[in-house]
Amino acid sequence: MLLSSFSVFCLFAAIPVVATHKSFLQRKRGQRIAGDWDDTEVKLCTFEAQSDSDNRIKVFADEEENTRYVSFAREGHATDDGFIESMQKCKGAFPDICKQENITSSPKGCATCPCELDLDHDAYGNYQRRMMEELVPRCQASKGNFHVLLVGLGGGALVQQILSQCPKGTMVNAVEYDSRMIEIATRFFGLNPSPHEFKVDKGDGGEVVAAHAAQGKTYDMVLVDAFAGGTHVPESCRDAKFVGNLHRMLRKGGMILHNLAGPTYGNLEGPDDYKTAMPIYKDAFGNNAKLEELQGNLEFPSRLIVVQTPAE
């Protein structure tokens, strides 16, 4: 996928993969190679670029499955076409209010479309399921004193999955560069910030992580799911300074899971971010850092850096 011009920043979660059954997105992929989406989608809202360095964002839904999607426009494709950054299955039938036509092209003219996360469905994407596989037993064993740092908010599905499966007292602190994604997560993906459970800091991921480290904050689990409008991880979310700050903040027995995209339709070799990121993690954590390749479930392969530190 093509990079946006603001690739120096940590931005938002990306999902180059889909659910275990053949979803709306997979059906669309099977029908086209390039071009805009067709009229079978429900267009919820379009967020215009805020500056020359931003991409246009489209929020749409599959009415039959009540699944929400976020797509970024990208160079060389139709205006509303692009990489799927976030997707989430909502509970129940698709609300009628969501079918209202946009009054204007501005988000102010878009109807807010409520969503309650459907917990009968696993998190989308092999990497999200892998993250939850590691996180849930740890948070449940902590009996409520568990702190998670999430770099890259996306639609907020991971936050909701964590808070729904972990005991009270679990705290998720997310970092998101793009204010539009924060608005999308709350208006269309059902995310509700709570000072006692969930906080989101707007800013560049590398800078916010550095600030947290300087303040002496510590975490039991760090999830990094930040991309620059495509499949590349911004340098500020994978360089030595970033990884060093994660090392300072990670509690004994803590864990880091860093999502790195694999091959896609547009890049069958996949981005090589892992080739530079993995040695940095090795320098900081030694043999406690490992690289996994996730496959299956009708998804493109993805890469995940996994760091498990000793409890003592």
C-alpha atoms as a PDB file:
ATOM      1  CA  MET A   1       0.000   0.000   0.000  1.00  0.00           C
ATOM      2  CA  LEU A   2       1.169   3.534  -0.672  1.00  0.00           C
ATOM      3  CA  LEU A   3       2.377   5.640   2.229  1.00  0.00           C
ATOM      4  CA  SER A   4       0.850   8.963   3.122  1.00  0.00           C
ATOM      5  CA  SER A   5       3.203  11.895   3.374  1.00  0.00           C
ATOM      6  CA  PHE A   6       2.927  11.977   7.168  1.00  0.00           C
ATOM      7  CA  SER A   7       4.625   8.647   7.737  1.00  0.00           C
ATOM      8  CA  VAL A   8       6.849  10.165  10.427  1.00  0.00           C
ATOM      9  CA  PHE A   9       3.945   9.986  12.871  1.00  0.00           C
ATOM     10  CA  CYS A  10       2.309   7.112  14.708  1.00  0.00           C
ATOM     11  CA  LEU A  11      -1.283   7.089  13.583  1.00  0.00           C
ATOM     12  CA  PHE A  12      -3.954   4.428  13.603  1.00  0.00           C
ATOM     13  CA  ALA A  13      -4.655   0.749  13.694  1.00  0.00           C
ATOM     14  CA  ALA A  14      -4.709  -1.119  10.397  1.00  0.00           C
ATOM     15  CA  ILE A  15      -6.393  -4.391   9.526  1.00  0.00           C
ATOM     16  CA  PRO A  16      -5.214  -5.863   6.210  1.00  0.00           C
ATOM     17  CA  VAL A  17      -7.215  -8.948   7.107  1.00  0.00           C
ATOM     18  CA  VAL A  18     -10.757  -9.985   7.852  1.00  0.00           C
ATOM     19  CA  ALA A  19     -12.896 -12.368   9.862  1.00  0.00           C
ATOM     20  CA  THR A  20     -12.828 -16.139   9.733  1.00  0.00           C
ATOM     21  CA  HIS A  21     -15.978 -16.304   7.583  1.00  0.00           C
ATOM     22  CA  LYS A  22     -16.331 -14.602   4.218  1.00  0.00           C
ATOM     23  CA  SER A  23     -17.374 -11.096   5.191  1.00  0.00           C
ATOM     24  CA  PHE A  24     -18.581  -8.129   3.174  1.00  0.00           C
ATOM     25  CA  LEU A  25     -15.006  -6.959   2.663  1.00  0.00           C
ATOM     26  CA  GLN A  26     -13.850 -10.284   1.266  1.00  0.00           C
ATOM     27  CA  ARG A  27     -16.834 -10.439  -1.086  1.00  0.00           C
ATOM     28  CA  LYS A  28     -15.968  -6.986  -2.390  1.00  0.00           C
ATOM     29  CA  ARG A  29     -12.331  -7.963  -2.851  1.00  0.00           C
ATOM     30  CA  GLY A  30     -13.429 -10.927  -4.891  1.00  0.00           C
ATOM     31  CA  GLN A  31     -15.410  -8.692  -7.247  1.00  0.00           C
ATOM     32  CA  ARG A  32     -12.873  -5.976  -7.987  1.00  0.00           C
ATOM     33  CA  ILE A  33      -9.180  -5.195  -8.169  1.00  0.00           C
ATOM     34  CA  ALA A  34      -9.250  -1.391  -8.056  1.00  0.00           C
ATOM     35  CA  GLY A  35     -11.745   1.438  -7.974  1.00  0.00           C
ATOM     36  CA  ASP A  36     -14.289   2.781  -5.530  1.00  0.00           C
ATOM     37  CA  TRP A  37     -16.692   0.641  -3.520  1.00  0.00           C
ATOM     38  CA  ASP A  38     -20.051  -0.043  -5.076  1.00  0.00           C
ATOM     39  CA  ASP A  39     -23.525   0.980  -3.908  1.00  0.00           C
ATOM     40  CA  THR A  40     -24.083  -2.102  -1.744  1.00  0.00           C
ATOM     41  CA  GLU A  41     -22.239  -0.480   1.138  1.00  0.00           C
ATOM     42  CA  VAL A  42     -23.898   1.935   3.556  1.00  0.00           C
ATOM     43  CA  LYS A  43     -21.900   5.152   3.513  1.00  0.00           C
ATOM     44  CA  LEU A  44     -21.903   6.559   7.036  1.00  0.00           C
ATOM     45  CA  CYS A  45     -19.599   9.549   6.762  1.00  0.00           C
ATOM     46  CA  THR A  46     -16.637  11.077   4.963  1.00  0.00           C
ATOM     47  CA  PHE A  47     -13.942  12.973   6.848  1.00  0.00           C
ATOM     48  CA  GLU A  48     -11.997  15.298   4.585  1.00  0.00           C
ATOM     49  CA  ALA A  49      -8.256  15.744   4.909  1.00  0.00           C
ATOM     50  CA  GLN A  50      -7.369  18.249   7.599  1.00  0.00           C
ATOM     51  CA  SER A  51      -4.126  19.287   5.933  1.00  0.00           C
ATOM     52  CA  ASP A  52      -2.009  18.545   2.887  1.00  0.00           C
ATOM     53  CA  SER A  53      -0.429  15.660   4.803  1.00  0.00           C
ATOM     54  CA  ASP A  54      -3.719  13.907   5.622  1.00  0.00           C
ATOM     55  CA  ASN A  55      -5.761  11.384   3.692  1.00  0.00           C
ATOM     56  CA  ARG A  56      -9.518  11.457   3.291  1.00  0.00           C
ATOM     57  CA  ILE A  57     -11.297   8.972   5.587  1.00  0.00           C
ATOM     58  CA  LYS A  58     -14.440   7.068   4.695  1.00  0.00           C
ATOM     59  CA  VAL A  59     -16.632   5.312   7.273  1.00  0.00           C
ATOM     60  CA  PHE A  60     -19.053   2.729   5.907  1.00  0.00           C
ATOM     61  CA  ALA A  61     -20.977  -0.348   6.960  1.00  0.00           C
ATOM     62  CA  ASP A  62     -22.294  -3.687   5.828  1.00  0.00           C
ATOM     63  CA  GLU A  63     -26.012  -3.516   6.699  1.00  0.00           C
ATOM     64  CA  GLU A  64     -26.523  -7.284   6.642  1.00  0.00           C
ATOM     65  CA  GLU A  65     -23.775  -7.995   9.185  1.00  0.00           C
ATOM     66  CA  ASN A  66     -23.907  -4.633  11.015  1.00  0.00           C
ATOM     67  CA  THR A  67     -20.147  -4.373  10.629  1.00  0.00           C
ATOM     68  CA  ARG A  68     -18.375  -1.003  10.525  1.00  0.00           C
ATOM     69  CA  TYR A  69     -15.326  -0.189   8.405  1.00  0.00           C
ATOM     70  CA  VAL A  70     -12.856   2.675   8.124  1.00  0.00           C
ATOM     71  CA  SER A  71     -10.995   3.215   4.861  1.00  0.00           C
ATOM     72  CA  PHE A  72      -8.374   5.795   3.901  1.00  0.00           C
ATOM     73  CA  ALA A  73      -8.206   7.217   0.406  1.00  0.00           C
ATOM     74  CA  ARG A  74      -4.870   6.671  -1.233  1.00  0.00           C
ATOM     75  CA  GLU A  75      -3.038   7.861  -4.288  1.00  0.00           C
ATOM     76  CA  GLY A  76      -3.771   5.998  -7.513  1.00  0.00           C
ATOM     77  CA  HIS A  77      -7.252   4.833  -6.520  1.00  0.00           C
ATOM     78  CA  ALA A  78     -10.736   6.295  -6.571  1.00  0.00           C
ATOM     79  CA  THR A  79     -11.309   9.026  -4.026  1.00  0.00           C
ATOM     80  CA  ASP A  80     -13.100   6.911  -1.448  1.00  0.00           C
ATOM     81  CA  ASP A  81     -11.069   3.742  -1.925  1.00  0.00           C
ATOM     82  CA  GLY A  82      -8.158   2.637   0.216  1.00  0.00           C
ATOM     83  CA  PHE A  83      -6.695   0.431   2.874  1.00  0.00           C
ATOM     84  CA  ILE A  84      -9.099  -0.876   5.527  1.00  0.00           C
ATOM     85  CA  GLU A  85      -7.789   0.514   8.809  1.00  0.00           C
ATOM     86  CA  SER A  86     -10.432  -0.729  11.247  1.00  0.00           C
ATOM     87  CA  MET A  87     -13.487  -2.950  11.290  1.00  0.00           C
ATOM     88  CA  GLN A  88     -15.887  -4.054  14.006  1.00  0.00           C
ATOM     89  CA  LYS A  89     -18.974  -6.260  14.296  1.00  0.00           C
ATOM     90  CA  CYS A  90     -21.802  -4.552  16.192  1.00  0.00           C
ATOM     91  CA  LYS A  91     -24.526  -6.332  18.136  1.00  0.00           C
ATOM     92  CA  GLY A  92     -28.051  -6.661  16.746  1.00  0.00           C
ATOM     93  CA  ALA A  93     -29.624  -5.221  13.626  1.00  0.00           C
ATOM     94  CA  PHE A  94     -28.227  -2.258  11.752  1.00  0.00           C
ATOM     95  CA  PRO A  95     -29.909   0.863  13.273  1.00  0.00           C
ATOM     96  CA  ASP A  96     -32.309   2.783  11.035  1.00  0.00           C
ATOM     97  CA  ILE A  97     -30.742   6.094  12.032  1.00  0.00           C
ATOM     98  CA  CYS A  98     -27.520   4.973  10.349  1.00  0.00           C
ATOM     99  CA  LYS A  99     -29.298   4.790   6.980  1.00  0.00           C
ATOM    100  CA  GLN A 100     -29.974   8.527   6.841  1.00  0.00           C
ATOM    101  CA  GLU A 101     -28.338  10.355   3.975  1.00  0.00           C
ATOM    102  CA  ASN A 102     -25.521  12.711   4.911  1.00  0.00           C
ATOM    103  CA  ILE A 103     -26.793  16.277   5.092  1.00  0.00           C
ATOM    104  CA  THR A 104     -23.417  17.650   4.016  1.00  0.00           C
ATOM    105  CA  SER A 105     -19.984  16.266   3.265  1.00  0.00           C
ATOM    106  CA  SER A 106     -18.896  17.523   6.682  1.00  0.00           C
ATOM    107  CA  PRO A 107     -18.954  15.085   9.625  1.00  0.00           C
ATOM    108  CA  LYS A 108     -21.369  17.499  11.315  1.00  0.00           C
ATOM    109  CA  GLY A 109     -23.929  16.464   8.717  1.00  0.00           C
ATOM    110  CA  CYS A 110     -23.516  12.729   9.363  1.00  0.00           C
ATOM    111  CA  ALA A 111     -25.866  10.895  11.686  1.00  0.00           C
ATOM    112  CA  THR A 112     -24.120   9.301  14.666  1.00  0.00           C
ATOM    113  CA  CYS A 113     -24.466   5.541  14.243  1.00  0.00           C
ATOM    114  CA  PRO A 114     -24.573   3.716  17.597  1.00  0.00           C
ATOM    115  CA  CYS A 115     -22.755   0.436  18.039  1.00  0.00           C
ATOM    116  CA  GLU A 116     -22.491  -2.074  20.845  1.00  0.00           C
ATOM    117  CA  LEU A 117     -19.583  -4.435  20.309  1.00  0.00           C
ATOM    118  CA  ASP A 118     -20.789  -7.959  19.505  1.00  0.00           C
ATOM    119  CA  LEU A 119     -18.820 -10.073  21.953  1.00  0.00           C
ATOM    120  CA  ASP A 120     -20.140 -13.283  20.383  1.00  0.00           C
ATOM    121  CA  HIS A 121     -17.588 -12.639  17.639  1.00  0.00           C
ATOM    122  CA  ASP A 122     -13.845 -12.733  18.209  1.00  0.00           C
ATOM    123  CA  ALA A 123     -11.732  -9.712  17.454  1.00  0.00           C
ATOM    124  CA  TYR A 124     -11.066  -9.291  13.733  1.00  0.00           C
ATOM    125  CA  GLY A 125      -7.650 -10.155  12.416  1.00  0.00           C
ATOM    126  CA  ASN A 126      -5.159 -12.822  13.446  1.00  0.00           C
ATOM    127  CA  TYR A 127      -2.994 -10.241  15.174  1.00  0.00           C
ATOM    128  CA  GLN A 128      -5.862  -8.927  17.329  1.00  0.00           C
ATOM    129  CA  ARG A 129      -6.848 -12.447  18.332  1.00  0.00           C
ATOM    130  CA  ARG A 130      -3.214 -13.207  19.163  1.00  0.00           C
ATOM    131  CA  MET A 131      -3.016 -10.080  21.316  1.00  0.00           C
ATOM    132  CA  MET A 132      -6.168 -11.004  23.208  1.00  0.00           C
ATOM    133  CA  GLU A 133      -4.917 -14.568  23.637  1.00  0.00           C
ATOM    134  CA  GLU A 134      -1.945 -13.250  25.593  1.00  0.00           C
ATOM    135  CA  LEU A 135      -3.645 -10.350  27.340  1.00  0.00           C
ATOM    136  CA  VAL A 136      -6.837 -11.851  28.779  1.00  0.00           C
ATOM    137  CA  PRO A 137      -5.268 -14.545  31.026  1.00  0.00           C
ATOM    138  CA  ARG A 138      -2.834 -11.962  32.389  1.00  0.00           C
ATOM    139  CA  CYS A 139      -5.432  -9.324  33.172  1.00  0.00           C
ATOM    140  CA  GLN A 140      -7.756 -11.877  34.767  1.00  0.00           C
ATOM    141  CA  ALA A 141      -4.938 -13.168  36.975  1.00  0.00           C
ATOM    142  CA  SER A 142      -4.126  -9.622  38.087  1.00  0.00           C
ATOM    143  CA  LYS A 143      -7.522  -9.262  39.799  1.00  0.00           C
ATOM    144  CA  GLY A 144      -8.011  -5.719  38.554  1.00  0.00           C
ATOM    145  CA  ASN A 145      -4.617  -4.039  38.818  1.00  0.00           C
ATOM    146  CA  PHE A 146      -3.655  -4.255  35.165  1.00  0.00           C
ATOM    147  CA  HIS A 147      -2.468  -1.394  32.955  1.00  0.00           C
ATOM    148  CA  VAL A 148      -2.399  -1.534  29.157  1.00  0.00           C
ATOM    149  CA  LEU A 149      -0.806   0.928  26.730  1.00  0.00           C
ATOM    150  CA  LEU A 150      -2.264   0.850  23.214  1.00  0.00           C
ATOM    151  CA  VAL A 151      -0.375   2.811  20.562  1.00  0.00           C
ATOM    152  CA  GLY A 152      -2.832   3.293  17.689  1.00  0.00           C
ATOM    153  CA  LEU A 153      -6.528   3.506  18.606  1.00  0.00           C
ATOM    154  CA  GLY A 154      -8.159   2.686  15.273  1.00  0.00           C
ATOM    155  CA  GLY A 155     -11.883   2.095  15.741  1.00  0.00           C
ATOM    156  CA  GLY A 156     -11.387   1.228  19.397  1.00  0.00           C
ATOM    157  CA  ALA A 157     -12.397  -2.435  19.086  1.00  0.00           C
ATOM    158  CA  LEU A 158      -9.338  -3.655  21.006  1.00  0.00           C
ATOM    159  CA  VAL A 159     -10.135  -1.296  23.875  1.00  0.00           C
ATOM    160  CA  GLN A 160     -13.683  -2.618  24.069  1.00  0.00           C
ATOM    161  CA  GLN A 161     -12.544  -6.237  23.862  1.00  0.00           C
ATOM    162  CA  ILE A 162     -10.057  -5.675  26.692  1.00  0.00           C
ATOM    163  CA  LEU A 163     -12.468  -3.905  29.030  1.00  0.00           C
ATOM    164  CA  SER A 164     -15.222  -6.464  28.404  1.00  0.00           C
ATOM    165  CA  GLN A 165     -13.012  -9.464  29.205  1.00  0.00           C
ATOM    166  CA  CYS A 166     -10.817  -8.064  31.974  1.00  0.00           C
ATOM    167  CA  PRO A 167     -11.872  -7.381  35.587  1.00  0.00           C
ATOM    168  CA  LYS A 168     -12.727  -3.975  36.987  1.00  0.00           C
ATOM    169  CA  GLY A 169      -9.627  -1.987  37.766  1.00  0.00           C
ATOM    170  CA  THR A 170      -8.108  -2.698  34.350  1.00  0.00           C
ATOM    171  CA  MET A 171      -6.964   0.564  32.758  1.00  0.00           C
ATOM    172  CA  VAL A 172      -6.298   1.125  29.045  1.00  0.00           C
ATOM    173  CA  ASN A 173      -4.353   4.183  27.945  1.00  0.00           C
ATOM    174  CA  ALA A 174      -4.479   4.680  24.175  1.00  0.00           C
ATOM    175  CA  VAL A 175      -2.466   6.994  21.947  1.00  0.00           C
ATOM    176  CA  GLU A 176      -3.902   8.333  18.678  1.00  0.00           C
ATOM    177  CA  TYR A 177      -2.418  10.980  16.411  1.00  0.00           C
ATOM    178  CA  ASP A 178      -5.469  11.639  14.240  1.00  0.00           C
ATOM    179  CA  SER A 179      -8.369  13.401  16.002  1.00  0.00           C
ATOM    180  CA  ARG A 180     -10.703  12.178  13.258  1.00  0.00           C
ATOM    181  CA  MET A 181     -10.093   8.576  14.329  1.00  0.00           C
ATOM    182  CA  ILE A 182     -11.014   9.438  17.910  1.00  0.00           C
ATOM    183  CA  GLU A 183     -14.293  10.940  16.670  1.00  0.00           C
ATOM    184  CA  ILE A 184     -14.961   7.938  14.430  1.00  0.00           C
ATOM    185  CA  ALA A 185     -14.346   5.495  17.289  1.00  0.00           C
ATOM    186  CA  THR A 186     -16.892   7.253  19.517  1.00  0.00           C
ATOM    187  CA  ARG A 187     -19.551   8.104  16.899  1.00  0.00           C
ATOM    188  CA  PHE A 188     -19.565   4.942  14.788  1.00  0.00           C
ATOM    189  CA  PHE A 189     -17.751   2.199  16.736  1.00  0.00           C
ATOM    190  CA  GLY A 190     -19.364   2.642  20.158  1.00  0.00           C
ATOM    191  CA  LEU A 191     -16.250   3.573  22.135  1.00  0.00           C
ATOM    192  CA  ASN A 192     -17.008   5.514  25.327  1.00  0.00           C
ATOM    193  CA  PRO A 193     -13.996   6.990  27.170  1.00  0.00           C
ATOM    194  CA  SER A 194     -14.122   6.561  30.955  1.00  0.00           C
ATOM    195  CA  PRO A 195     -11.596   8.179  33.310  1.00  0.00           C
ATOM    196  CA  HIS A 196     -11.479   5.033  35.449  1.00  0.00           C
ATOM    197  CA  GLU A 197     -11.126   2.519  32.584  1.00  0.00           C
ATOM    198  CA  PHE A 198      -9.986   4.191  29.411  1.00  0.00           C
ATOM    199  CA  LYS A 199      -8.096   7.330  28.445  1.00  0.00           C
ATOM    200  CA  VAL A 200      -6.883   8.452  25.027  1.00  0.00           C
ATOM    201  CA  ASP A 201      -3.992  10.861  24.482  1.00  0.00           C
ATOM    202  CA  LYS A 202      -3.950  12.675  21.150  1.00  0.00           C
ATOM    203  CA  GLY A 203      -0.466  13.061  19.730  1.00  0.00           C
ATOM    204  CA  ASP A 204       2.403  11.416  17.921  1.00  0.00           C
ATOM    205  CA  GLY A 205       2.899   7.947  19.350  1.00  0.00           C
ATOM    206  CA  GLY A 206       6.636   8.287  19.808  1.00  0.00           C
ATOM    207  CA  GLU A 207       6.322  11.624  21.589  1.00  0.00           C
ATOM    208  CA  VAL A 208       3.505  10.492  23.885  1.00  0.00           C
ATOM    209  CA  VAL A 209       5.362   7.290  24.788  1.00  0.00           C
ATOM    210  CA  ALA A 210       8.458   9.358  25.591  1.00  0.00           C
ATOM    211  CA  ALA A 211       6.363  11.616  27.826  1.00  0.00           C
ATOM    212  CA  HIS A 212       4.882   8.621  29.653  1.00  0.00           C
ATOM    213  CA  ALA A 213       8.353   7.188  30.235  1.00  0.00           C
ATOM    214  CA  ALA A 214       9.597  10.535  31.547  1.00  0.00           C
ATOM    215  CA  GLN A 215       6.642  10.652  33.948  1.00  0.00           C
ATOM    216  CA  GLY A 216       7.534   7.221  35.304  1.00  0.00           C
ATOM    217  CA  LYS A 217       4.393   5.487  34.052  1.00  0.00           C
ATOM    218  CA  THR A 218       4.543   1.710  33.817  1.00  0.00           C
ATOM    219  CA  TYR A 219       2.457  -0.922  32.038  1.00  0.00           C
ATOM    220  CA  ASP A 220       1.811  -4.648  32.216  1.00  0.00           C
ATOM    221  CA  MET A 221       1.063  -4.914  28.497  1.00  0.00           C
ATOM    222  CA  VAL A 222       1.962  -2.709  25.524  1.00  0.00           C
ATOM    223  CA  LEU A 223       0.131  -3.193  22.223  1.00  0.00           C
ATOM    224  CA  VAL A 224       1.493  -1.333  19.201  1.00  0.00           C
ATOM    225  CA  ASP A 225      -0.857  -1.138  16.224  1.00  0.00           C
ATOM    226  CA  ALA A 226       0.154   2.088  14.508  1.00  0.00           C
ATOM    227  CA  PHE A 227       0.373   2.643  10.748  1.00  0.00           C
ATOM    228  CA  ALA A 228       0.835   5.640   8.496  1.00  0.00           C
ATOM    229  CA  GLY A 229      -2.204   5.448   6.253  1.00  0.00           C
ATOM    230  CA  GLY A 230      -1.214   2.073   4.829  1.00  0.00           C
ATOM    231  CA  THR A 231       1.001  -0.855   5.780  1.00  0.00           C
ATOM    232  CA  HIS A 232       4.118   0.988   6.954  1.00  0.00           C
ATOM    233  CA  VAL A 233       4.836   1.617  10.616  1.00  0.00           C
ATOM    234  CA  PRO A 234       6.096   5.184  11.154  1.00  0.00           C
ATOM    235  CA  GLU A 235       9.724   5.349  12.199  1.00  0.00           C
ATOM    236  CA  SER A 236       8.842   7.137  15.439  1.00  0.00           C
ATOM    237  CA  CYS A 237       6.916   4.005  16.462  1.00  0.00           C
ATOM    238  CA  ARG A 238       9.715   1.533  15.786  1.00  0.00           C
ATOM    239  CA  ASP A 239      13.051   3.353  16.276  1.00  0.00           C
ATOM    240  CA  ALA A 240      15.542   2.866  19.114  1.00  0.00           C
ATOM    241  CA  LYS A 241      14.118   5.750  21.150  1.00  0.00           C
ATOM    242  CA  PHE A 242      10.608   4.318  20.981  1.00  0.00           C
ATOM    243  CA  VAL A 243      11.665   0.786  21.908  1.00  0.00           C
ATOM    244  CA  GLY A 244      13.945   2.116  24.654  1.00  0.00           C
ATOM    245  CA  ASN A 245      11.044   3.983  26.222  1.00  0.00           C
ATOM    246  CA  LEU A 246       8.889   0.855  26.076  1.00  0.00           C
ATOM    247  CA  HIS A 247      11.684  -0.986  27.885  1.00  0.00           C
ATOM    248  CA  ARG A 248      11.666   1.671  30.631  1.00  0.00           C
ATOM    249  CA  MET A 249       7.884   1.451  31.070  1.00  0.00           C
ATOM    250  CA  LEU A 250       7.368  -2.305  30.932  1.00  0.00           C
ATOM    251  CA  ARG A 251       6.776  -3.910  34.324  1.00  0.00           C
ATOM    252  CA  LYS A 252       8.477  -7.134  35.383  1.00  0.00           C
ATOM    253  CA  GLY A 253       6.783 -10.024  33.661  1.00  0.00           C
ATOM    254  CA  GLY A 254       5.265  -7.568  31.188  1.00  0.00           C
ATOM    255  CA  MET A 255       4.680  -8.115  27.507  1.00  0.00           C
ATOM    256  CA  ILE A 256       4.867  -6.149  24.252  1.00  0.00           C
ATOM    257  CA  LEU A 257       3.058  -7.153  21.064  1.00  0.00           C
ATOM    258  CA  HIS A 258       3.891  -5.017  18.040  1.00  0.00           C
ATOM    259  CA  ASN A 259       1.817  -5.557  14.904  1.00  0.00           C
ATOM    260  CA  LEU A 260       3.679  -5.316  11.589  1.00  0.00           C
ATOM    261  CA  ALA A 261       1.870  -5.751   8.286  1.00  0.00           C
ATOM    262  CA  GLY A 262       2.718  -8.558   5.909  1.00  0.00           C
ATOM    263  CA  PRO A 263       2.017  -8.975   2.170  1.00  0.00           C
ATOM    264  CA  THR A 264      -1.022  -7.312   0.581  1.00  0.00           C
ATOM    265  CA  TYR A 265      -2.599  -7.197  -2.864  1.00  0.00           C
ATOM    266  CA  GLY A 266      -0.563  -4.103  -3.655  1.00  0.00           C
ATOM    267  CA  ASN A 267       2.717  -5.402  -2.207  1.00  0.00           C
ATOM    268  CA  LEU A 268       3.148  -9.158  -2.352  1.00  0.00           C
ATOM    269  CA  GLU A 269       6.549  -8.946  -0.663  1.00  0.00           C
ATOM    270  CA  GLY A 270       5.161  -6.904   2.199  1.00  0.00           C
ATOM    271  CA  PRO A 271       6.823  -3.915   3.875  1.00  0.00           C
ATOM    272  CA  ASP A 272      10.259  -4.501   5.379  1.00  0.00           C
ATOM    273  CA  ASP A 273       9.711  -2.546   8.606  1.00  0.00           C
ATOM    274  CA  TYR A 274      10.255  -5.719  10.607  1.00  0.00           C
ATOM    275  CA  LYS A 275      13.796  -5.996   9.220  1.00  0.00           C
ATOM    276  CA  THR A 276      14.790  -2.767  10.972  1.00  0.00           C
ATOM    277  CA  ALA A 277      12.482  -3.043  13.989  1.00  0.00           C
ATOM    278  CA  MET A 278      13.413  -6.555  15.046  1.00  0.00           C
ATOM    279  CA  PRO A 279      17.160  -5.856  15.611  1.00  0.00           C
ATOM    280  CA  ILE A 280      16.198  -2.840  17.731  1.00  0.00           C
ATOM    281  CA  TYR A 281      13.949  -4.990  19.903  1.00  0.00           C
ATOM    282  CA  LYS A 282      16.718  -7.592  20.133  1.00  0.00           C
ATOM    283  CA  ASP A 283      19.178  -4.939  21.304  1.00  0.00           C
ATOM    284  CA  ALA A 284      16.769  -3.825  24.018  1.00  0.00           C
ATOM    285  CA  PHE A 285      15.313  -7.167  25.145  1.00  0.00           C
ATOM    286  CA  GLY A 286      17.726  -9.827  23.892  1.00  0.00           C
ATOM    287  CA  ASN A 287      16.249 -13.283  23.405  1.00  0.00           C
ATOM    288  CA  ASN A 288      13.026 -12.153  25.082  1.00  0.00           C
ATOM    289  CA  ALA A 289      12.058 -10.606  21.738  1.00  0.00           C
ATOM    290  CA  LYS A 290      10.790 -12.918  19.011  1.00  0.00           C
ATOM    291  CA  LEU A 291       9.157 -12.500  15.600  1.00  0.00           C
ATOM    292  CA  GLU A 292       6.001 -14.442  14.773  1.00  0.00           C
ATOM    293  CA  GLU A 293       4.259 -14.816  11.426  1.00  0.00           C
ATOM    294  CA  LEU A 294       0.500 -15.195  11.663  1.00  0.00           C
ATOM    295  CA  GLN A 295      -1.399 -17.001   8.913  1.00  0.00           C
ATOM    296  CA  GLY A 296      -4.758 -18.592   8.204  1.00  0.00           C
ATOM    297  CA  ASN A 297      -8.423 -17.589   8.464  1.00  0.00           C
ATOM    298  CA  LEU A 298      -8.509 -16.327   4.857  1.00  0.00           C
ATOM    299  CA  GLU A 299      -6.104 -13.551   5.813  1.00  0.00           C
ATOM    300  CA  PHE A 300      -2.857 -12.228   4.433  1.00  0.00           C
ATOM    301  CA  PRO A 301       0.130 -13.234   6.582  1.00  0.00           C
ATOM    302  CA  SER A 302       1.061 -10.641   9.194  1.00  0.00           C
ATOM    303  CA  ARG A 303       4.066 -10.257  11.459  1.00  0.00           C
ATOM    304  CA  LEU A 304       4.057  -9.726  15.192  1.00  0.00           C
ATOM    305  CA  ILE A 305       7.004  -8.849  17.405  1.00  0.00           C
ATOM    306  CA  VAL A 306       6.459 -10.510  20.787  1.00  0.00           C
ATOM    307  CA  VAL A 307       8.437  -9.503  23.883  1.00  0.00           C
ATOM    308  CA  GLN A 308       7.984 -11.449  27.108  1.00  0.00           C
ATOM    309  CA  THR A 309      10.069 -10.232  30.060  1.00  0.00           C
ATOM    310  CA  PRO A 310      10.848 -12.386  33.113  1.00  0.00           C
ATOM    311  CA  ALA A 311       8.771 -11.885  36.244  1.00  0.00           C
ATOM    312  CA  GLU A 312      11.904 -11.477  38.360  1.00  0.00           C
END
